[in-house]
Amino acid sequence: MARRVRKKPETSSAMRIASDEMSRAEIGNGRPGLAIVTTILLGPIALITIPVFWFLGMTLFHAVLLTIVLQLAIFLVVVMIGFYRSFGDKAVALRSEDFDNTVLPDLKIWRSYSHDSTDDDAPFIALIAEDSVQTQQIATDLARQGYNIHQTNDVDAMLETVQTCPVDWGFMIFDLDLLDDLESNVDDLIMFRETCARIPILLLSGSSSRDEFSDHRRAIGDATLRKPVFRSRLLDGIAAMRTNWQTREVLHGNEQSGQA
């Protein structure tokens, strides 16, 4: 029987998004129109006022006429009150719509993916990419391979987390299209390589014409996959990344031996 991939809830500011995206109650409480209620009540009002006016000495004709005038006045007052309240509701609705259309700054998310059969001591995989269907598919495919995936669009937070304890992390996947400033991404990766040279890095790029399994981007990554990425190519990219990383480690070891 197929096992299920567990997708854990966000543990960062994305939790606020969930509460903000809850449906808002419509303005108004579903009460019947005031004009309709008043119209229904005009009958009992007439039954009360006509006898009262007749008791006060008016003729039946004048009592009925005055009752009609009184009913009309009450009806107009109620209609004006209803119009005023309706106008106020529309104003509140416009203010609510303006709030809903307010452009919010980019919020950071952090999600975790793991397979039901994944061991607790399975290596962590850092996935730095935008929150998209493609990213979720990559994370799901990796989870089915037995990895613990941590996906975020917060570059600084993830790099700092990996740098804090690099031995806990198996490798990192970095989407070069995450930020508009490609130079900033490259600079971040170069600095990360200087402090965590032993962490293999698989790059994702939508601007690449094809997959690059060579190590010509050694300064920032060990292999590059062209987006969109599917499961078979993802596994091929990871294999190429590991091969290039091992070659890099051997070269690094030889350099150190030569210096010694």
Protein backbone atom coordinates (compact mmCIF):
# COMPACT_ATOMS: atom_id res chain seq x y z
CA MET A 1 0.00 0.00 0.00
CA ALA A 2 1.33 3.42 -0.94
CA ARG A 3 2.50 5.52 1.96
CA ARG A 4 1.47 9.08 2.46
CA VAL A 5 3.77 12.10 2.42
CA ARG A 6 3.29 14.28 5.44
CA LYS A 7 3.28 18.01 4.82
CA LYS A 8 3.78 19.82 8.09
CA PRO A 9 2.29 23.28 8.60
CA GLU A 10 4.37 26.40 8.20
CA THR A 11 6.34 27.42 11.26
CA SER A 12 7.00 31.04 10.32
CA SER A 13 5.06 34.14 9.39
CA ALA A 14 3.11 32.20 6.79
CA MET A 15 0.88 31.05 9.66
CA ARG A 16 -0.50 34.57 9.67
CA ILE A 17 -1.55 34.17 6.07
CA ALA A 18 -3.85 31.31 6.97
CA SER A 19 -5.79 33.47 9.44
CA ASP A 20 -5.93 36.42 7.03
CA GLU A 21 -7.29 34.23 4.23
CA MET A 22 -10.31 33.00 6.26
CA SER A 23 -13.60 34.07 4.69
CA ARG A 24 -15.12 37.21 6.17
CA ALA A 25 -18.79 37.35 7.18
CA GLU A 26 -21.00 39.38 4.88
CA ILE A 27 -22.15 42.77 6.11
CA GLY A 28 -25.58 42.60 7.68
CA ASN A 29 -27.25 39.96 9.78
CA GLY A 30 -29.91 38.72 7.38
CA ARG A 31 -32.78 40.66 9.07
CA PRO A 32 -35.92 41.39 6.97
CA GLY A 33 -36.25 44.86 5.46
CA LEU A 34 -37.52 47.52 7.79
CA ALA A 35 -40.01 48.74 5.20
CA ILE A 36 -41.61 45.29 4.97
CA VAL A 37 -41.88 44.99 8.74
CA THR A 38 -43.42 48.45 8.97
CA THR A 39 -45.95 47.68 6.25
CA ILE A 40 -47.06 44.61 8.17
CA LEU A 41 -47.40 46.63 11.37
CA LEU A 42 -49.50 49.42 9.78
CA GLY A 43 -52.63 47.28 10.07
CA PRO A 44 -52.43 46.88 13.88
CA ILE A 45 -51.52 50.59 14.16
CA ALA A 46 -54.74 51.48 12.30
CA LEU A 47 -56.77 49.24 14.60
CA ILE A 48 -55.41 51.20 17.56
CA THR A 49 -55.43 54.77 16.24
CA ILE A 50 -58.87 54.84 14.60
CA PRO A 51 -60.75 53.98 17.83
CA VAL A 52 -58.58 56.42 19.77
CA PHE A 53 -59.30 59.31 17.37
CA TRP A 54 -63.00 58.43 17.29
CA PHE A 55 -63.03 58.33 21.11
CA LEU A 56 -61.46 61.81 21.15
CA GLY A 57 -64.50 63.13 19.31
CA MET A 58 -63.44 62.94 15.68
CA THR A 59 -65.75 61.66 13.02
CA LEU A 60 -65.00 58.27 11.54
CA PHE A 61 -63.93 59.90 8.27
CA HIS A 62 -61.45 62.23 9.98
CA ALA A 63 -60.17 59.42 12.19
CA VAL A 64 -59.47 57.23 9.16
CA LEU A 65 -57.90 60.13 7.25
CA LEU A 66 -55.63 61.08 10.15
CA THR A 67 -54.67 57.43 10.63
CA ILE A 68 -53.64 57.17 6.97
CA VAL A 69 -51.54 60.34 7.29
CA LEU A 70 -49.91 58.95 10.44
CA GLN A 71 -49.21 55.61 8.74
CA LEU A 72 -47.68 57.36 5.74
CA ALA A 73 -45.45 59.47 8.01
CA ILE A 74 -44.28 56.39 9.91
CA PHE A 75 -43.61 54.54 6.65
CA LEU A 76 -41.51 57.43 5.25
CA VAL A 77 -39.47 57.70 8.45
CA VAL A 78 -38.73 53.99 8.40
CA VAL A 79 -37.74 54.13 4.71
CA MET A 80 -35.33 57.00 5.45
CA ILE A 81 -33.81 55.05 8.34
CA GLY A 82 -33.38 51.99 6.10
CA PHE A 83 -31.78 54.09 3.36
CA TYR A 84 -29.34 55.63 5.85
CA ARG A 85 -28.36 52.23 7.23
CA SER A 86 -27.95 50.80 3.71
CA PHE A 87 -25.67 53.68 2.77
CA GLY A 88 -23.58 53.06 5.88
CA ASP A 89 -23.26 49.34 5.04
CA LYS A 90 -22.04 50.16 1.54
CA ALA A 91 -19.42 52.50 2.95
CA VAL A 92 -18.19 49.78 5.31
CA ALA A 93 -18.10 47.31 2.40
CA LEU A 94 -16.00 49.70 0.33
CA ARG A 95 -13.57 50.15 3.21
CA SER A 96 -13.37 46.36 3.63
CA GLU A 97 -12.72 45.92 -0.11
CA ASP A 98 -9.96 48.52 0.02
CA PHE A 99 -8.37 46.57 2.87
CA ASP A 100 -8.61 43.30 0.95
CA ASN A 101 -6.95 44.88 -2.10
CA THR A 102 -4.05 46.27 -0.09
CA VAL A 103 -0.78 44.97 -1.48
CA LEU A 104 1.01 43.05 1.25
CA PRO A 105 4.76 42.63 1.36
CA ASP A 106 6.20 39.25 0.45
CA LEU A 107 5.80 36.99 3.44
CA LYS A 108 8.25 34.25 4.31
CA ILE A 109 7.19 30.63 4.58
CA TRP A 110 8.85 27.54 6.00
CA ARG A 111 7.42 24.09 5.32
CA SER A 112 8.55 20.59 6.20
CA TYR A 113 7.92 17.42 4.19
CA SER A 114 8.62 13.84 5.23
CA HIS A 115 7.52 10.34 4.29
CA ASP A 116 5.65 8.03 6.63
CA SER A 117 8.56 5.61 6.49
CA THR A 118 11.27 8.27 6.90
CA ASP A 119 13.56 7.68 9.84
CA ASP A 120 13.92 10.42 12.42
CA ASP A 121 17.66 10.52 11.77
CA ALA A 122 17.25 10.87 7.97
CA PRO A 123 19.33 13.70 6.51
CA PHE A 124 17.78 17.13 6.19
CA ILE A 125 17.49 18.66 2.74
CA ALA A 126 17.33 22.45 2.39
CA LEU A 127 15.05 23.58 -0.44
CA ILE A 128 15.22 27.32 -1.08
CA ALA A 129 12.56 28.14 -3.65
CA GLU A 130 9.37 30.06 -4.22
CA ASP A 131 6.12 28.67 -2.87
CA SER A 132 4.71 27.03 -6.01
CA VAL A 133 3.22 23.77 -7.25
CA GLN A 134 6.58 22.89 -8.82
CA THR A 135 8.38 23.38 -5.50
CA GLN A 136 5.82 21.28 -3.64
CA GLN A 137 6.22 18.50 -6.19
CA ILE A 138 10.00 18.54 -5.79
CA ALA A 139 9.65 18.38 -2.01
CA THR A 140 7.16 15.52 -2.28
CA ASP A 141 9.40 13.53 -4.62
CA LEU A 142 12.36 13.98 -2.27
CA ALA A 143 10.27 12.96 0.74
CA ARG A 144 9.37 9.73 -1.04
CA GLN A 145 13.10 9.06 -1.37
CA GLY A 146 13.39 9.09 2.43
CA TYR A 147 14.58 12.66 3.02
CA ASN A 148 13.37 15.25 5.51
CA ILE A 149 12.69 18.34 3.42
CA HIS A 150 12.69 21.89 4.75
CA GLN A 151 11.44 24.35 2.14
CA THR A 152 11.46 28.12 2.49
CA ASN A 153 11.62 31.27 0.41
CA ASP A 154 13.69 33.02 3.09
CA VAL A 155 17.23 32.77 1.74
CA ASP A 156 18.98 34.33 4.71
CA ALA A 157 17.13 32.23 7.29
CA MET A 158 17.88 28.93 5.56
CA LEU A 159 21.54 29.69 4.85
CA GLU A 160 22.03 30.73 8.45
CA THR A 161 20.28 27.57 9.69
CA VAL A 162 22.48 25.29 7.59
CA GLN A 163 25.63 27.17 8.56
CA THR A 164 24.77 26.76 12.23
CA CYS A 165 25.00 22.94 12.03
CA PRO A 166 26.07 21.78 8.55
CA VAL A 167 26.56 18.14 9.61
CA ASP A 168 22.77 17.77 9.92
CA TRP A 169 22.16 18.62 6.27
CA GLY A 170 22.62 16.25 3.34
CA PHE A 171 22.52 18.82 0.54
CA MET A 172 20.79 21.99 -0.58
CA ILE A 173 18.62 22.87 -3.57
CA PHE A 174 18.62 26.53 -4.54
CA ASP A 175 16.25 28.16 -7.06
CA LEU A 176 18.17 30.93 -8.81
CA ASP A 177 14.87 32.49 -9.92
CA LEU A 178 13.69 33.05 -6.36
CA LEU A 179 14.79 36.68 -6.33
CA ASP A 180 14.82 39.20 -9.15
CA ASP A 181 18.39 40.14 -8.26
CA LEU A 182 20.44 37.24 -9.64
CA GLU A 183 23.70 38.86 -8.52
CA SER A 184 22.45 38.83 -4.93
CA ASN A 185 21.69 35.11 -5.17
CA VAL A 186 25.14 34.42 -6.61
CA ASP A 187 26.84 36.47 -3.89
CA ASP A 188 24.91 34.61 -1.19
CA LEU A 189 25.92 31.25 -2.64
CA ILE A 190 29.58 32.24 -2.99
CA MET A 191 29.70 33.31 0.65
CA PHE A 192 27.90 30.14 1.69
CA ARG A 193 30.43 28.02 -0.23
CA GLU A 194 33.26 29.68 1.65
CA THR A 195 31.83 28.71 5.04
CA CYS A 196 30.09 25.40 4.14
CA ALA A 197 32.15 24.05 1.25
CA ARG A 198 31.17 20.46 2.04
CA ILE A 199 27.45 20.93 1.48
CA PRO A 200 26.49 19.78 -2.06
CA ILE A 201 24.30 22.28 -3.90
CA LEU A 202 21.84 21.58 -6.72
CA LEU A 203 20.78 24.69 -8.63
CA LEU A 204 17.42 25.26 -10.33
CA SER A 205 17.06 27.77 -13.16
CA GLY A 206 14.34 28.72 -15.59
CA SER A 207 16.75 30.62 -17.82
CA SER A 208 19.05 27.68 -18.54
CA SER A 209 18.63 26.16 -21.99
CA ARG A 210 19.31 22.65 -20.68
CA ASP A 211 20.44 20.69 -17.64
CA GLU A 212 24.07 21.29 -16.70
CA PHE A 213 25.62 18.28 -15.02
CA SER A 214 29.17 19.59 -15.36
CA ASP A 215 30.88 21.54 -12.61
CA HIS A 216 31.38 24.78 -14.54
CA ARG A 217 29.34 26.58 -11.86
CA ARG A 218 31.52 25.13 -9.13
CA ALA A 219 31.71 28.47 -7.35
CA ILE A 220 28.01 28.38 -6.50
CA GLY A 221 26.76 24.85 -7.18
CA ASP A 222 27.59 21.30 -8.21
CA ALA A 223 24.91 20.80 -10.90
CA THR A 224 22.06 22.75 -12.51
CA LEU A 225 18.58 21.62 -13.55
CA ARG A 226 16.41 23.52 -15.99
CA LYS A 227 12.89 24.18 -14.73
CA PRO A 228 10.36 22.68 -14.75
CA VAL A 229 11.88 19.71 -12.96
CA PHE A 230 10.31 16.26 -12.92
CA ARG A 231 11.13 13.26 -10.76
CA SER A 232 13.49 11.39 -13.12
CA ARG A 233 15.52 14.48 -13.93
CA LEU A 234 15.54 15.48 -10.29
CA LEU A 235 17.13 12.17 -9.33
CA ASP A 236 19.62 12.48 -12.23
CA GLY A 237 20.52 15.96 -11.07
CA ILE A 238 21.09 14.78 -7.50
CA ALA A 239 23.33 11.98 -8.77
CA ALA A 240 25.37 14.43 -10.90
CA MET A 241 25.57 16.82 -7.95
CA ARG A 242 26.97 14.09 -5.71
CA THR A 243 29.49 12.99 -8.34
CA ASN A 244 30.77 16.53 -8.89
CA TRP A 245 30.82 17.13 -5.15
CA GLN A 246 32.94 14.01 -4.59
CA THR A 247 35.32 15.13 -7.34
CA ARG A 248 35.55 18.53 -5.73
CA GLU A 249 36.28 16.95 -2.37
CA VAL A 250 39.07 14.85 -3.87
CA LEU A 251 40.62 17.89 -5.54
CA HIS A 252 40.35 19.82 -2.32
CA GLY A 253 42.04 17.00 -0.43
CA ASN A 254 44.85 16.82 -2.99
CA GLU A 255 45.40 20.57 -2.72
CA GLN A 256 45.68 20.34 1.02
CA SER A 257 48.11 17.40 0.74
CA GLY A 258 50.25 19.37 -1.71
CA GLN A 259 50.38 22.36 0.58
CA ALA A 260 51.39 20.16 3.47
